[in-house]
Amino acid sequence: MQKAKRTQDKILAAAVELLAKNHFANVSMGDIAKACNLTKPTIYYHFKSKKGLYLELARSMLEQIRAELTEITDTDISLRETLLLIVRIRFDSLRKKPDLVRAHFAFIFDPDIRDLIESLQDDIMALQQMIVPKFAQAIEKGEIKSGTDPVLISIMFYSTLNTYLLRVLHGCSRFEELPEPERFVDIIFNGISIRGEDK
């Protein structure tokens, strides 16, 4: 059983590496077999199809993100500390596992694979909603303005964070040019207007 799990993990790791460098349509089961030094029959023994393989990869990635977010959001820390932890984890993933981050975005932007994971849309939406209660709690505690829309600001936070990650992945910025997590979160918290000059 453990050997089978190790083999599956090896296959999924190869699938991540290939998806990070190619469109989903250009990755074959033969490519995956070659990348992990296994035979095609071995790949098909563990995963009945390329679709099934990448669905399992998507589930695995979603579960990892869910576990990270659950650990963060279940703690009794401030909203600012929550956002800082999320930013640090994402920046750290970009630095240590860029292929995994690229594969994550492929599931979002590659039309061939995005349609494939349609069955996981509810799970994806649930992940995006996990941070919303933290914003609602921050309003109740007086951390942020009472008129703040928790859903809107969580979307803004994730959109801005993902844009920074994509800029690095596409070579528009170097990793060293990413802002410090504190600076990133403070922009969300403090906005860009000069206090006292709001009209």
N, C-alpha and C. Protein backbone atom coordinates (compact mmCIF):
# COMPACT_ATOMS: atom_id res chain seq x y z
N MET A 1 0.83 -1.21 0.00
CA MET A 1 0.00 0.00 0.00
C MET A 1 0.86 1.26 0.00
N GLN A 2 1.89 1.26 0.86
CA GLN A 2 2.78 2.42 0.92
C GLN A 2 3.55 2.59 -0.38
N LYS A 3 3.94 1.46 -0.98
CA LYS A 3 4.65 1.52 -2.26
C LYS A 3 3.76 2.12 -3.34
N ALA A 4 2.49 1.72 -3.35
CA ALA A 4 1.55 2.27 -4.33
C ALA A 4 1.38 3.76 -4.14
N LYS A 5 1.29 4.19 -2.88
CA LYS A 5 1.15 5.62 -2.59
C LYS A 5 2.39 6.39 -3.03
N ARG A 6 3.56 5.82 -2.80
CA ARG A 6 4.80 6.49 -3.23
C ARG A 6 4.85 6.61 -4.75
N THR A 7 4.40 5.57 -5.43
CA THR A 7 4.38 5.59 -6.89
C THR A 7 3.41 6.65 -7.40
N GLN A 8 2.23 6.70 -6.79
CA GLN A 8 1.24 7.71 -7.19
C GLN A 8 1.77 9.12 -6.94
N ASP A 9 2.41 9.32 -5.81
CA ASP A 9 2.99 10.64 -5.50
C ASP A 9 4.06 11.02 -6.52
N LYS A 10 4.85 10.03 -6.93
CA LYS A 10 5.89 10.27 -7.94
C LYS A 10 5.27 10.67 -9.27
N ILE A 11 4.20 10.00 -9.63
CA ILE A 11 3.49 10.31 -10.89
C ILE A 11 2.89 11.71 -10.82
N LEU A 12 2.26 12.04 -9.72
CA LEU A 12 1.65 13.36 -9.57
C LEU A 12 2.70 14.46 -9.59
N ALA A 13 3.85 14.20 -8.99
CA ALA A 13 4.93 15.19 -8.99
C ALA A 13 5.41 15.45 -10.42
N ALA A 14 5.51 14.39 -11.22
CA ALA A 14 5.90 14.54 -12.62
C ALA A 14 4.83 15.31 -13.39
N ALA A 15 3.57 15.03 -13.09
CA ALA A 15 2.47 15.73 -13.75
C ALA A 15 2.50 17.23 -13.44
N VAL A 16 2.85 17.58 -12.20
CA VAL A 16 2.98 18.99 -11.83
C VAL A 16 4.06 19.66 -12.65
N GLU A 17 5.22 19.00 -12.72
CA GLU A 17 6.35 19.57 -13.44
C GLU A 17 6.02 19.80 -14.92
N LEU A 18 5.34 18.85 -15.53
CA LEU A 18 4.99 18.97 -16.94
C LEU A 18 3.93 20.04 -17.17
N LEU A 19 2.93 20.11 -16.28
CA LEU A 19 1.87 21.10 -16.42
C LEU A 19 2.41 22.51 -16.21
N ALA A 20 3.46 22.63 -15.40
CA ALA A 20 4.07 23.95 -15.16
C ALA A 20 4.76 24.49 -16.40
N LYS A 21 5.11 23.61 -17.33
CA LYS A 21 5.88 24.03 -18.50
C LYS A 21 5.13 23.88 -19.82
N ASN A 22 3.95 23.23 -19.79
CA ASN A 22 3.20 22.96 -21.01
C ASN A 22 1.71 23.16 -20.79
N HIS A 23 0.99 23.39 -21.88
CA HIS A 23 -0.46 23.40 -21.80
C HIS A 23 -0.93 21.96 -21.56
N PHE A 24 -2.05 21.85 -20.88
CA PHE A 24 -2.59 20.54 -20.54
C PHE A 24 -2.75 19.66 -21.78
N ALA A 25 -3.22 20.25 -22.89
CA ALA A 25 -3.46 19.47 -24.11
C ALA A 25 -2.17 18.89 -24.68
N ASN A 26 -1.02 19.49 -24.35
CA ASN A 26 0.26 19.04 -24.90
C ASN A 26 0.99 18.04 -24.00
N VAL A 27 0.37 17.67 -22.89
CA VAL A 27 0.97 16.69 -21.98
C VAL A 27 0.30 15.33 -22.21
N SER A 28 1.10 14.32 -22.50
CA SER A 28 0.54 12.98 -22.72
C SER A 28 0.91 12.06 -21.55
N MET A 29 0.22 10.95 -21.47
CA MET A 29 0.54 9.96 -20.45
C MET A 29 1.96 9.41 -20.68
N GLY A 30 2.36 9.36 -21.96
CA GLY A 30 3.72 8.93 -22.27
C GLY A 30 4.75 9.91 -21.74
N ASP A 31 4.44 11.21 -21.83
CA ASP A 31 5.35 12.23 -21.28
C ASP A 31 5.50 12.06 -19.78
N ILE A 32 4.37 11.80 -19.12
CA ILE A 32 4.39 11.63 -17.66
C ILE A 32 5.20 10.39 -17.29
N ALA A 33 5.00 9.30 -18.03
CA ALA A 33 5.74 8.07 -17.77
C ALA A 33 7.24 8.30 -17.92
N LYS A 34 7.62 9.00 -18.98
CA LYS A 34 9.04 9.28 -19.22
C LYS A 34 9.62 10.17 -18.12
N ALA A 35 8.84 11.16 -17.69
CA ALA A 35 9.32 12.11 -16.69
C ALA A 35 9.58 11.46 -15.34
N CYS A 36 8.81 10.42 -15.02
CA CYS A 36 9.03 9.77 -13.71
C CYS A 36 9.67 8.39 -13.86
N ASN A 37 10.19 8.10 -15.08
CA ASN A 37 10.94 6.87 -15.33
C ASN A 37 10.12 5.61 -15.02
N LEU A 38 8.85 5.64 -15.47
CA LEU A 38 7.97 4.50 -15.32
C LEU A 38 7.41 4.14 -16.69
N THR A 39 6.80 2.98 -16.80
CA THR A 39 6.19 2.59 -18.06
C THR A 39 4.76 3.16 -18.14
N LYS A 40 4.25 3.30 -19.36
CA LYS A 40 2.88 3.77 -19.53
C LYS A 40 1.87 2.84 -18.85
N PRO A 41 2.04 1.51 -18.97
CA PRO A 41 1.10 0.64 -18.26
C PRO A 41 1.07 0.89 -16.76
N THR A 42 2.23 1.24 -16.18
CA THR A 42 2.26 1.54 -14.75
C THR A 42 1.45 2.79 -14.45
N ILE A 43 1.58 3.79 -15.32
CA ILE A 43 0.80 5.03 -15.14
C ILE A 43 -0.68 4.71 -15.19
N TYR A 44 -1.08 3.91 -16.20
CA TYR A 44 -2.50 3.58 -16.37
C TYR A 44 -3.01 2.65 -15.26
N TYR A 45 -2.13 1.91 -14.63
CA TYR A 45 -2.54 1.07 -13.51
C TYR A 45 -3.02 1.94 -12.35
N HIS A 46 -2.31 3.05 -12.13
CA HIS A 46 -2.63 3.92 -11.00
C HIS A 46 -3.69 4.98 -11.36
N PHE A 47 -3.70 5.40 -12.63
CA PHE A 47 -4.66 6.41 -13.07
C PHE A 47 -5.22 5.97 -14.43
N LYS A 48 -6.52 5.77 -14.50
CA LYS A 48 -7.14 5.18 -15.68
C LYS A 48 -7.07 6.07 -16.92
N SER A 49 -6.89 7.38 -16.71
CA SER A 49 -6.83 8.31 -17.84
C SER A 49 -6.07 9.57 -17.42
N LYS A 50 -5.70 10.36 -18.41
CA LYS A 50 -5.04 11.63 -18.11
C LYS A 50 -5.99 12.54 -17.33
N LYS A 51 -7.26 12.51 -17.70
CA LYS A 51 -8.24 13.31 -16.98
C LYS A 51 -8.30 12.89 -15.51
N GLY A 52 -8.34 11.59 -15.27
CA GLY A 52 -8.39 11.10 -13.90
C GLY A 52 -7.17 11.46 -13.11
N LEU A 53 -6.00 11.43 -13.77
CA LEU A 53 -4.75 11.78 -13.11
C LEU A 53 -4.77 13.24 -12.67
N TYR A 54 -5.16 14.12 -13.59
CA TYR A 54 -5.14 15.55 -13.26
C TYR A 54 -6.28 15.96 -12.33
N LEU A 55 -7.37 15.21 -12.36
CA LEU A 55 -8.41 15.45 -11.36
C LEU A 55 -7.88 15.13 -9.96
N GLU A 56 -7.15 14.03 -9.86
CA GLU A 56 -6.56 13.66 -8.57
C GLU A 56 -5.53 14.69 -8.13
N LEU A 57 -4.77 15.21 -9.09
CA LEU A 57 -3.80 16.26 -8.78
C LEU A 57 -4.52 17.51 -8.27
N ALA A 58 -5.62 17.88 -8.93
CA ALA A 58 -6.38 19.05 -8.50
C ALA A 58 -6.93 18.85 -7.10
N ARG A 59 -7.48 17.65 -6.84
CA ARG A 59 -8.00 17.36 -5.49
C ARG A 59 -6.89 17.45 -4.44
N SER A 60 -5.73 16.93 -4.79
CA SER A 60 -4.60 16.95 -3.86
C SER A 60 -4.17 18.38 -3.55
N MET A 61 -4.12 19.21 -4.58
CA MET A 61 -3.72 20.61 -4.39
C MET A 61 -4.76 21.37 -3.58
N LEU A 62 -6.04 21.11 -3.86
CA LEU A 62 -7.11 21.76 -3.10
C LEU A 62 -7.07 21.36 -1.64
N GLU A 63 -6.80 20.09 -1.38
CA GLU A 63 -6.74 19.60 -0.01
C GLU A 63 -5.58 20.24 0.75
N GLN A 64 -4.46 20.42 0.07
CA GLN A 64 -3.32 21.06 0.70
C GLN A 64 -3.64 22.51 1.07
N ILE A 65 -4.27 23.22 0.14
CA ILE A 65 -4.65 24.61 0.40
C ILE A 65 -5.68 24.68 1.51
N ARG A 66 -6.66 23.75 1.49
CA ARG A 66 -7.69 23.72 2.53
C ARG A 66 -7.06 23.49 3.91
N ALA A 67 -6.11 22.58 3.98
CA ALA A 67 -5.44 22.30 5.26
C ALA A 67 -4.69 23.52 5.77
N GLU A 68 -4.01 24.21 4.87
CA GLU A 68 -3.27 25.42 5.26
C GLU A 68 -4.22 26.50 5.77
N LEU A 69 -5.30 26.72 5.01
CA LEU A 69 -6.25 27.76 5.39
C LEU A 69 -6.99 27.41 6.69
N THR A 70 -7.32 26.13 6.85
CA THR A 70 -8.01 25.71 8.07
C THR A 70 -7.13 25.95 9.29
N GLU A 71 -5.86 25.61 9.16
CA GLU A 71 -4.93 25.83 10.28
C GLU A 71 -4.83 27.31 10.64
N ILE A 72 -4.87 28.16 9.62
CA ILE A 72 -4.76 29.61 9.86
C ILE A 72 -6.07 30.18 10.41
N THR A 73 -7.18 29.86 9.74
CA THR A 73 -8.46 30.50 10.10
C THR A 73 -9.06 29.96 11.39
N ASP A 74 -8.64 28.78 11.82
CA ASP A 74 -9.16 28.22 13.07
C ASP A 74 -8.48 28.79 14.31
N THR A 75 -7.45 29.58 14.12
CA THR A 75 -6.75 30.17 15.26
C THR A 75 -7.37 31.50 15.64
N ASP A 76 -7.23 31.87 16.90
CA ASP A 76 -7.80 33.12 17.39
C ASP A 76 -6.77 34.24 17.28
N ILE A 77 -6.46 34.61 16.04
CA ILE A 77 -5.52 35.70 15.80
C ILE A 77 -6.24 36.80 15.03
N SER A 78 -5.63 37.96 14.98
CA SER A 78 -6.26 39.11 14.31
C SER A 78 -6.34 38.87 12.81
N LEU A 79 -7.18 39.67 12.15
CA LEU A 79 -7.29 39.59 10.70
C LEU A 79 -5.95 39.90 10.05
N ARG A 80 -5.26 40.92 10.57
CA ARG A 80 -3.97 41.30 9.98
C ARG A 80 -2.99 40.13 10.06
N GLU A 81 -2.90 39.46 11.19
CA GLU A 81 -2.00 38.32 11.32
C GLU A 81 -2.43 37.17 10.41
N THR A 82 -3.73 37.00 10.25
CA THR A 82 -4.24 35.96 9.34
C THR A 82 -3.78 36.22 7.92
N LEU A 83 -3.95 37.46 7.46
CA LEU A 83 -3.54 37.80 6.10
C LEU A 83 -2.03 37.70 5.92
N LEU A 84 -1.29 38.09 6.95
CA LEU A 84 0.17 37.98 6.88
C LEU A 84 0.61 36.53 6.70
N LEU A 85 -0.02 35.62 7.44
CA LEU A 85 0.32 34.20 7.31
C LEU A 85 0.03 33.68 5.91
N ILE A 86 -1.11 34.07 5.36
CA ILE A 86 -1.48 33.63 4.01
C ILE A 86 -0.46 34.13 2.99
N VAL A 87 -0.11 35.41 3.08
CA VAL A 87 0.85 35.99 2.14
C VAL A 87 2.21 35.31 2.28
N ARG A 88 2.66 35.10 3.51
CA ARG A 88 3.95 34.45 3.72
C ARG A 88 3.98 33.04 3.12
N ILE A 89 2.89 32.29 3.32
CA ILE A 89 2.83 30.92 2.78
C ILE A 89 2.87 30.94 1.26
N ARG A 90 2.12 31.86 0.65
CA ARG A 90 2.08 31.93 -0.82
C ARG A 90 3.43 32.37 -1.38
N PHE A 91 4.05 33.37 -0.77
CA PHE A 91 5.37 33.82 -1.23
C PHE A 91 6.40 32.72 -1.05
N ASP A 92 6.30 31.99 0.06
CA ASP A 92 7.24 30.91 0.33
C ASP A 92 7.06 29.78 -0.68
N SER A 93 5.81 29.48 -1.04
CA SER A 93 5.54 28.46 -2.05
C SER A 93 6.13 28.87 -3.40
N LEU A 94 5.99 30.15 -3.72
CA LEU A 94 6.53 30.66 -4.99
C LEU A 94 8.04 30.50 -5.04
N ARG A 95 8.70 30.73 -3.91
CA ARG A 95 10.15 30.64 -3.87
C ARG A 95 10.62 29.19 -3.88
N LYS A 96 9.94 28.30 -3.12
CA LYS A 96 10.41 26.93 -2.96
C LYS A 96 9.81 25.95 -3.96
N LYS A 97 8.56 26.20 -4.40
CA LYS A 97 7.87 25.26 -5.29
C LYS A 97 7.20 26.01 -6.45
N PRO A 98 7.99 26.69 -7.28
CA PRO A 98 7.37 27.48 -8.36
C PRO A 98 6.55 26.64 -9.33
N ASP A 99 6.99 25.38 -9.59
CA ASP A 99 6.22 24.53 -10.50
C ASP A 99 4.83 24.24 -9.96
N LEU A 100 4.73 24.05 -8.64
CA LEU A 100 3.43 23.79 -8.02
C LEU A 100 2.52 25.01 -8.16
N VAL A 101 3.08 26.20 -8.00
CA VAL A 101 2.29 27.44 -8.15
C VAL A 101 1.85 27.61 -9.60
N ARG A 102 2.76 27.31 -10.54
CA ARG A 102 2.40 27.38 -11.96
C ARG A 102 1.27 26.41 -12.29
N ALA A 103 1.37 25.20 -11.76
CA ALA A 103 0.32 24.19 -12.00
C ALA A 103 -1.01 24.67 -11.42
N HIS A 104 -0.96 25.28 -10.25
CA HIS A 104 -2.18 25.81 -9.62
C HIS A 104 -2.86 26.81 -10.54
N PHE A 105 -2.08 27.72 -11.13
CA PHE A 105 -2.67 28.71 -12.02
C PHE A 105 -3.13 28.09 -13.34
N ALA A 106 -2.48 27.00 -13.76
CA ALA A 106 -2.92 26.31 -14.97
C ALA A 106 -4.35 25.80 -14.81
N PHE A 107 -4.67 25.32 -13.61
CA PHE A 107 -6.03 24.85 -13.35
C PHE A 107 -7.05 25.99 -13.46
N ILE A 108 -6.59 27.21 -13.24
CA ILE A 108 -7.48 28.36 -13.30
C ILE A 108 -7.59 28.93 -14.71
N PHE A 109 -6.45 28.99 -15.43
CA PHE A 109 -6.42 29.73 -16.68
C PHE A 109 -6.36 28.89 -17.95
N ASP A 110 -5.86 27.66 -17.88
CA ASP A 110 -5.79 26.82 -19.08
C ASP A 110 -7.20 26.31 -19.37
N PRO A 111 -7.81 26.73 -20.50
CA PRO A 111 -9.22 26.35 -20.76
C PRO A 111 -9.45 24.85 -20.83
N ASP A 112 -8.47 24.10 -21.33
CA ASP A 112 -8.64 22.65 -21.45
C ASP A 112 -8.77 21.99 -20.09
N ILE A 113 -7.95 22.43 -19.16
CA ILE A 113 -7.96 21.80 -17.83
C ILE A 113 -9.01 22.43 -16.93
N ARG A 114 -9.32 23.71 -17.18
CA ARG A 114 -10.35 24.38 -16.37
C ARG A 114 -11.70 23.69 -16.57
N ASP A 115 -12.01 23.33 -17.79
CA ASP A 115 -13.26 22.62 -18.06
C ASP A 115 -13.24 21.23 -17.43
N LEU A 116 -12.06 20.62 -17.39
CA LEU A 116 -11.91 19.28 -16.83
C LEU A 116 -12.28 19.24 -15.35
N ILE A 117 -11.95 20.31 -14.61
CA ILE A 117 -12.18 20.30 -13.16
C ILE A 117 -13.50 20.96 -12.78
N GLU A 118 -14.43 21.02 -13.73
CA GLU A 118 -15.74 21.62 -13.46
C GLU A 118 -16.40 20.99 -12.24
N SER A 119 -16.16 19.69 -12.05
CA SER A 119 -16.79 18.98 -10.93
C SER A 119 -16.26 19.45 -9.57
N LEU A 120 -15.16 20.19 -9.59
CA LEU A 120 -14.56 20.65 -8.33
C LEU A 120 -14.87 22.11 -8.02
N GLN A 121 -15.72 22.73 -8.84
CA GLN A 121 -15.97 24.16 -8.68
C GLN A 121 -16.53 24.51 -7.30
N ASP A 122 -17.41 23.66 -6.77
CA ASP A 122 -17.97 23.94 -5.44
C ASP A 122 -16.87 23.95 -4.38
N ASP A 123 -15.91 23.01 -4.50
CA ASP A 123 -14.80 22.96 -3.56
C ASP A 123 -13.91 24.19 -3.69
N ILE A 124 -13.70 24.62 -4.92
CA ILE A 124 -12.86 25.81 -5.16
C ILE A 124 -13.52 27.04 -4.57
N MET A 125 -14.82 27.18 -4.79
CA MET A 125 -15.54 28.33 -4.24
C MET A 125 -15.54 28.31 -2.72
N ALA A 126 -15.65 27.10 -2.14
CA ALA A 126 -15.63 26.98 -0.69
C ALA A 126 -14.30 27.45 -0.12
N LEU A 127 -13.20 27.15 -0.82
CA LEU A 127 -11.88 27.61 -0.37
C LEU A 127 -11.82 29.14 -0.38
N GLN A 128 -12.35 29.74 -1.43
CA GLN A 128 -12.32 31.19 -1.54
C GLN A 128 -13.15 31.86 -0.45
N GLN A 129 -14.13 31.12 0.07
CA GLN A 129 -15.00 31.69 1.10
C GLN A 129 -14.46 31.50 2.52
N MET A 130 -13.41 30.68 2.67
CA MET A 130 -12.94 30.34 4.02
C MET A 130 -12.47 31.54 4.82
N ILE A 131 -11.96 32.56 4.13
CA ILE A 131 -11.42 33.71 4.83
C ILE A 131 -12.48 34.76 5.14
N VAL A 132 -13.64 34.67 4.49
CA VAL A 132 -14.69 35.68 4.65
C VAL A 132 -15.11 35.85 6.11
N PRO A 133 -15.32 34.77 6.90
CA PRO A 133 -15.69 34.96 8.31
C PRO A 133 -14.66 35.75 9.10
N LYS A 134 -13.39 35.66 8.72
CA LYS A 134 -12.35 36.42 9.41
C LYS A 134 -12.57 37.92 9.22
N PHE A 135 -12.98 38.31 8.03
CA PHE A 135 -13.28 39.72 7.77
C PHE A 135 -14.51 40.15 8.57
N ALA A 136 -15.52 39.27 8.60
CA ALA A 136 -16.74 39.59 9.36
C ALA A 136 -16.42 39.75 10.85
N GLN A 137 -15.58 38.86 11.39
CA GLN A 137 -15.17 38.95 12.79
C GLN A 137 -14.38 40.23 13.05
N ALA A 138 -13.55 40.61 12.09
CA ALA A 138 -12.74 41.83 12.24
C ALA A 138 -13.62 43.07 12.31
N ILE A 139 -14.74 43.04 11.59
CA ILE A 139 -15.69 44.16 11.66
C ILE A 139 -16.30 44.22 13.06
N GLU A 140 -16.72 43.06 13.58
CA GLU A 140 -17.31 43.01 14.91
C GLU A 140 -16.34 43.46 16.00
N LYS A 141 -15.06 43.15 15.81
CA LYS A 141 -14.05 43.51 16.81
C LYS A 141 -13.51 44.93 16.64
N GLY A 142 -13.95 45.59 15.57
CA GLY A 142 -13.48 46.95 15.34
C GLY A 142 -12.11 47.04 14.69
N GLU A 143 -11.65 45.94 14.11
CA GLU A 143 -10.35 45.95 13.42
C GLU A 143 -10.43 46.71 12.10
N ILE A 144 -11.57 46.58 11.42
CA ILE A 144 -11.74 47.26 10.14
C ILE A 144 -13.10 47.97 10.14
N LYS A 145 -13.30 48.85 9.17
CA LYS A 145 -14.50 49.69 9.11
C LYS A 145 -15.77 48.84 9.07
N SER A 146 -16.79 49.35 9.71
CA SER A 146 -18.05 48.61 9.82
C SER A 146 -18.75 48.46 8.47
N GLY A 147 -18.49 49.36 7.54
CA GLY A 147 -19.16 49.27 6.23
C GLY A 147 -18.45 48.38 5.24
N THR A 148 -17.39 47.71 5.66
CA THR A 148 -16.61 46.85 4.76
C THR A 148 -17.41 45.63 4.33
N ASP A 149 -17.37 45.33 3.05
CA ASP A 149 -18.03 44.13 2.52
C ASP A 149 -17.03 42.97 2.61
N PRO A 150 -17.26 42.00 3.51
CA PRO A 150 -16.30 40.90 3.70
C PRO A 150 -16.00 40.11 2.43
N VAL A 151 -17.02 39.87 1.62
CA VAL A 151 -16.81 39.10 0.39
C VAL A 151 -15.98 39.90 -0.60
N LEU A 152 -16.33 41.17 -0.79
CA LEU A 152 -15.62 42.01 -1.75
C LEU A 152 -14.14 42.17 -1.36
N ILE A 153 -13.87 42.45 -0.10
CA ILE A 153 -12.49 42.68 0.31
C ILE A 153 -11.67 41.40 0.27
N SER A 154 -12.30 40.24 0.51
CA SER A 154 -11.56 38.98 0.40
C SER A 154 -11.20 38.70 -1.06
N ILE A 155 -12.11 39.04 -1.98
CA ILE A 155 -11.83 38.88 -3.41
C ILE A 155 -10.68 39.81 -3.81
N MET A 156 -10.71 41.04 -3.34
CA MET A 156 -9.65 42.00 -3.64
C MET A 156 -8.31 41.51 -3.12
N PHE A 157 -8.32 40.96 -1.92
CA PHE A 157 -7.08 40.46 -1.32
C PHE A 157 -6.48 39.34 -2.16
N TYR A 158 -7.30 38.32 -2.47
CA TYR A 158 -6.79 37.20 -3.24
C TYR A 158 -6.39 37.60 -4.66
N SER A 159 -7.17 38.49 -5.27
CA SER A 159 -6.86 38.93 -6.64
C SER A 159 -5.52 39.65 -6.68
N THR A 160 -5.28 40.52 -5.71
CA THR A 160 -4.02 41.24 -5.65
C THR A 160 -2.85 40.29 -5.39
N LEU A 161 -3.04 39.38 -4.47
CA LEU A 161 -1.99 38.41 -4.15
C LEU A 161 -1.66 37.55 -5.37
N ASN A 162 -2.68 37.04 -6.05
CA ASN A 162 -2.44 36.19 -7.22
C ASN A 162 -1.78 36.97 -8.35
N THR A 163 -2.12 38.24 -8.49
CA THR A 163 -1.50 39.06 -9.53
C THR A 163 0.00 39.20 -9.28
N TYR A 164 0.39 39.40 -8.05
CA TYR A 164 1.82 39.47 -7.71
C TYR A 164 2.51 38.16 -8.05
N LEU A 165 1.91 37.04 -7.70
CA LEU A 165 2.50 35.74 -7.98
C LEU A 165 2.66 35.53 -9.49
N LEU A 166 1.64 35.90 -10.25
CA LEU A 166 1.68 35.73 -11.70
C LEU A 166 2.75 36.61 -12.34
N ARG A 167 2.94 37.81 -11.82
CA ARG A 167 3.97 38.70 -12.36
C ARG A 167 5.35 38.06 -12.24
N VAL A 168 5.60 37.42 -11.13
CA VAL A 168 6.90 36.75 -10.95
C VAL A 168 7.00 35.53 -11.87
N LEU A 169 5.95 34.73 -11.93
CA LEU A 169 5.97 33.53 -12.77
C LEU A 169 6.18 33.85 -14.23
N HIS A 170 5.65 34.99 -14.69
CA HIS A 170 5.75 35.37 -16.10
C HIS A 170 6.96 36.26 -16.38
N GLY A 171 7.80 36.46 -15.36
CA GLY A 171 9.02 37.22 -15.57
C GLY A 171 8.86 38.72 -15.60
N CYS A 172 7.68 39.23 -15.24
CA CYS A 172 7.47 40.68 -15.21
C CYS A 172 8.16 41.30 -13.99
N SER A 173 8.34 40.50 -12.96
CA SER A 173 9.02 40.94 -11.74
C SER A 173 9.90 39.80 -11.25
N ARG A 174 10.95 40.16 -10.53
CA ARG A 174 11.78 39.14 -9.89
C ARG A 174 11.22 38.88 -8.49
N PHE A 175 11.52 37.68 -7.98
CA PHE A 175 11.03 37.35 -6.65
C PHE A 175 11.49 38.39 -5.63
N GLU A 176 12.71 38.88 -5.81
CA GLU A 176 13.27 39.86 -4.88
C GLU A 176 12.47 41.16 -4.87
N GLU A 177 11.69 41.38 -5.93
CA GLU A 177 10.91 42.62 -6.03
C GLU A 177 9.53 42.51 -5.37
N LEU A 178 9.18 41.33 -4.89
CA LEU A 178 7.91 41.20 -4.18
C LEU A 178 7.96 42.06 -2.92
N PRO A 179 6.86 42.71 -2.58
CA PRO A 179 6.86 43.52 -1.35
C PRO A 179 6.95 42.64 -0.12
N GLU A 180 7.40 43.21 0.96
CA GLU A 180 7.38 42.49 2.23
C GLU A 180 5.91 42.17 2.57
N PRO A 181 5.64 40.99 3.14
CA PRO A 181 4.26 40.65 3.48
C PRO A 181 3.56 41.74 4.30
N GLU A 182 4.30 42.36 5.23
CA GLU A 182 3.71 43.42 6.06
C GLU A 182 3.26 44.60 5.21
N ARG A 183 4.08 44.97 4.25
CA ARG A 183 3.72 46.09 3.37
C ARG A 183 2.50 45.76 2.52
N PHE A 184 2.48 44.52 2.03
CA PHE A 184 1.37 44.06 1.21
C PHE A 184 0.06 44.14 1.99
N VAL A 185 0.07 43.60 3.21
CA VAL A 185 -1.15 43.57 4.03
C VAL A 185 -1.54 44.97 4.48
N ASP A 186 -0.56 45.82 4.77
CA ASP A 186 -0.88 47.17 5.23
C ASP A 186 -1.58 47.99 4.15
N ILE A 187 -1.26 47.73 2.90
CA ILE A 187 -1.96 48.43 1.82
C ILE A 187 -3.44 48.05 1.82
N ILE A 188 -3.72 46.76 2.06
CA ILE A 188 -5.11 46.31 2.16
C ILE A 188 -5.79 46.99 3.36
N PHE A 189 -5.08 47.05 4.47
CA PHE A 189 -5.65 47.60 5.69
C PHE A 189 -5.81 49.12 5.64
N ASN A 190 -4.80 49.80 5.15
CA ASN A 190 -4.77 51.27 5.23
C ASN A 190 -5.25 51.96 3.97
N GLY A 191 -5.36 51.24 2.88
CA GLY A 191 -5.78 51.87 1.63
C GLY A 191 -4.67 52.77 1.08
N ILE A 192 -5.04 53.66 0.18
CA ILE A 192 -4.05 54.53 -0.44
C ILE A 192 -4.36 56.01 -0.28
N SER A 193 -5.50 56.32 0.33
CA SER A 193 -5.84 57.73 0.50
C SER A 193 -5.08 58.33 1.68
N ILE A 194 -4.88 59.66 1.63
CA ILE A 194 -4.21 60.34 2.71
C ILE A 194 -5.25 60.66 3.78
N ARG A 195 -5.03 60.16 4.98
CA ARG A 195 -6.03 60.35 6.04
C ARG A 195 -6.22 61.84 6.32
N GLY A 196 -7.46 62.16 6.51
CA GLY A 196 -7.78 63.56 6.79
C GLY A 196 -8.07 64.36 5.55
N GLU A 197 -7.77 63.76 4.36
CA GLU A 197 -8.01 64.46 3.11
C GLU A 197 -9.11 63.79 2.30
N ASP A 198 -9.74 62.76 2.87
CA ASP A 198 -10.86 62.10 2.17
C ASP A 198 -12.00 63.09 1.98
N LYS A 199 -12.59 63.05 0.84
CA LYS A 199 -13.71 63.96 0.53
C LYS A 199 -15.04 63.25 0.75
